[in-house]
Protein backbone atom coordinates (compact mmCIF):
# COMPACT_ATOMS: atom_id res chain seq x y z
CA MET A 1 145.13 113.07 100.98
CA THR A 2 142.25 115.42 102.06
CA GLU A 3 138.97 114.61 102.74
CA PRO A 4 137.08 113.93 99.78
CA SER A 5 134.69 116.17 98.25
CA MET A 6 133.12 117.13 94.65
CA PRO A 7 135.21 119.86 93.81
CA GLN A 8 138.26 117.82 93.85
CA PHE A 9 136.82 116.00 90.85
CA ALA A 10 135.60 119.06 89.15
CA PHE A 11 138.64 119.03 86.20
CA TRP A 12 137.26 115.77 85.02
CA GLU A 13 133.49 116.67 84.53
CA GLY A 14 133.11 117.56 80.68
CA SER A 15 133.65 115.81 77.24
CA TRP A 16 137.19 114.79 76.25
CA VAL A 17 139.09 112.88 73.45
CA VAL A 18 141.46 110.56 74.91
CA THR A 19 144.02 109.48 72.85
CA TYR A 20 146.15 106.22 74.06
CA VAL A 21 150.04 105.70 72.71
CA ASP A 22 151.52 102.10 73.16
CA ASP A 23 154.94 101.46 73.41
CA ALA A 24 155.44 101.07 69.33
CA GLY A 25 154.31 104.41 69.30
CA ALA A 26 150.93 103.46 67.64
CA ALA A 27 147.81 106.13 68.87
CA TRP A 28 144.29 105.57 68.82
CA GLU A 29 141.55 108.13 69.92
CA GLY A 30 138.26 107.21 72.63
CA ALA A 31 135.78 109.71 74.08
CA ASN A 32 135.04 110.42 77.77
CA VAL A 33 131.94 112.05 79.21
CA VAL A 34 131.92 112.91 82.47
CA THR A 35 128.49 114.21 84.65
CA GLN A 36 127.70 114.67 87.86
CA ILE A 37 124.95 112.43 89.23
CA GLU A 38 122.20 111.65 91.58
CA ASP A 39 122.02 115.81 92.77
CA GLY A 40 125.61 116.55 92.59
CA LYS A 41 126.50 113.68 95.09
CA ALA A 42 128.60 111.45 92.29
CA ILE A 43 130.57 111.24 89.36
CA GLU A 44 129.57 108.97 86.07
CA GLU A 45 132.05 108.59 83.61
CA ARG A 46 131.40 107.09 80.02
CA PHE A 47 133.90 105.47 78.41
CA SER A 48 134.59 104.57 74.91
CA LEU A 49 137.97 103.38 72.86
CA VAL A 50 138.61 101.76 69.72
CA GLN A 51 140.64 99.55 69.99
CA PRO A 52 143.80 98.80 67.42
CA ASP A 53 142.00 95.48 66.17
CA GLY A 54 138.70 97.31 65.51
CA GLU A 55 136.99 96.18 68.46
CA LEU A 56 135.07 98.74 70.75
CA MET A 57 135.69 98.96 74.51
CA THR A 58 132.74 100.75 76.47
CA GLY A 59 132.85 101.26 80.02
CA ARG A 60 131.40 103.74 82.90
CA SER A 61 132.22 104.49 86.43
CA VAL A 62 130.54 105.97 89.39
CA SER A 63 132.43 108.09 91.44
CA VAL A 64 131.65 109.29 95.26
CA PRO A 65 133.16 110.79 98.06
CA VAL A 66 132.73 109.23 101.50
CA PRO A 67 134.26 110.87 104.48
CA GLY A 68 136.38 109.19 106.24
CA ARG A 69 137.14 106.68 103.51
CA GLY A 70 138.17 108.88 100.84
CA TRP A 71 137.06 108.81 97.13
CA CYS A 72 135.40 105.41 95.94
CA GLN A 73 135.03 104.34 92.14
CA THR A 74 133.15 101.21 91.03
CA TRP A 75 133.88 100.63 87.10
CA VAL A 76 132.50 98.04 84.83
CA ASP A 77 132.79 97.34 81.24
CA ASN A 78 131.67 95.44 78.23
CA SER A 79 134.64 92.72 78.37
CA GLY A 80 132.81 92.00 81.86
CA SER A 81 135.45 93.67 84.00
CA TYR A 82 134.31 95.00 87.80
CA LEU A 83 136.84 97.01 89.15
CA ASP A 84 136.59 98.84 92.90
CA PHE A 85 138.95 101.69 93.94
CA VAL A 86 139.38 104.10 96.64
CA GLY A 87 141.91 106.80 96.79
CA GLY A 88 141.63 110.75 97.01
CA TRP A 89 143.24 114.29 96.05
CA ASN A 90 146.84 115.26 97.43
CA GLY A 91 146.85 118.67 96.33
CA THR A 92 147.98 117.96 92.74
CA GLU A 93 147.04 114.73 91.89
CA MET A 94 143.79 112.78 92.34
CA CYS A 95 145.15 108.68 93.18
CA LEU A 96 142.94 106.00 93.49
CA THR A 97 143.95 102.19 94.25
CA ARG A 98 143.01 98.67 94.62
CA THR A 99 144.32 95.31 95.83
CA THR A 100 143.77 92.31 93.68
CA GLU A 101 145.45 88.96 92.33
CA ARG A 102 147.06 87.79 89.58
CA ASP A 103 148.49 84.11 89.65
CA SER A 104 148.01 84.30 93.10
CA ALA A 105 150.43 86.73 94.29
CA PRO A 106 148.77 90.51 95.45
CA LEU A 107 148.79 93.19 93.01
CA LEU A 108 148.07 96.88 93.39
CA GLN A 109 146.69 98.84 90.97
CA ARG A 110 146.18 102.80 90.57
CA MET A 111 144.80 105.13 88.46
CA ILE A 112 146.19 108.61 88.55
CA TRP A 113 145.18 111.99 87.51
CA TYR A 114 147.88 114.91 87.05
CA ALA A 115 149.31 117.46 84.92
CA ILE A 116 145.72 119.18 85.17
CA GLU A 117 145.37 122.08 83.22
CA PRO A 118 141.73 123.56 82.43
CA ASP A 119 141.38 121.56 79.17
CA THR A 120 143.91 119.12 79.75
CA PHE A 121 145.20 116.49 82.02
CA ASP A 122 146.95 112.72 81.74
CA TRP A 123 146.03 109.58 83.37
CA ASP A 124 147.92 106.99 83.97
CA TRP A 125 146.94 103.19 84.75
CA GLN A 126 149.83 101.56 87.16
CA SER A 127 150.31 98.33 88.81
CA SER A 128 152.79 97.02 91.62
CA THR A 129 153.60 93.38 92.62
CA ASP A 130 155.86 94.52 95.33
CA ASP A 131 153.23 96.54 97.72
CA GLY A 132 153.74 99.65 96.09
CA ALA A 133 157.53 100.08 96.30
CA THR A 134 157.86 100.22 92.38
CA TRP A 135 155.23 101.02 89.58
CA GLN A 136 155.13 99.62 86.19
CA LEU A 137 153.13 101.86 83.64
CA ASN A 138 150.34 99.86 81.83
CA TRP A 139 148.87 102.45 79.51
CA ARG A 140 148.35 106.51 79.49
CA LEU A 141 145.79 108.40 78.45
CA ALA A 142 146.23 112.13 77.30
CA TYR A 143 142.94 113.53 78.10
CA GLN A 144 141.85 117.03 75.60
CA ARG A 145 138.65 118.55 76.39
CA VAL A 146 135.68 119.01 73.88
CA THR A 147 134.78 122.64 72.65
CA SER A 148 132.01 123.97 71.16
């Protein structure tokens, strides 16, 4: 990973339509607005998605480049979740990871932003129960920039 800097997340800034497709092929859409905050020293994400049951999921994150540590992100949402990640840019992808537990066993989770183009990219949420030897795709979002 390279040393973190604000330009690495510039691709994410803007207003986005996000599309989620589940294993059965059902799709639903949401929105994500990502902006620089705190005099350009941090990035804030505001996410919303209407789930298949009609419930609205909302959440936000704040991401900060921390020299010597990488990108640090904190996520909170309307279900009461709190998640914290660290990671960085590897030249073609942004990858942030965290370690937690599920059923008293270690669980790694990661987010990967990839296939990055000016107006599109993909984002995967993955998990691993074998210390990162293999990864399970939990869900994928396709991002499309909103243009006026």
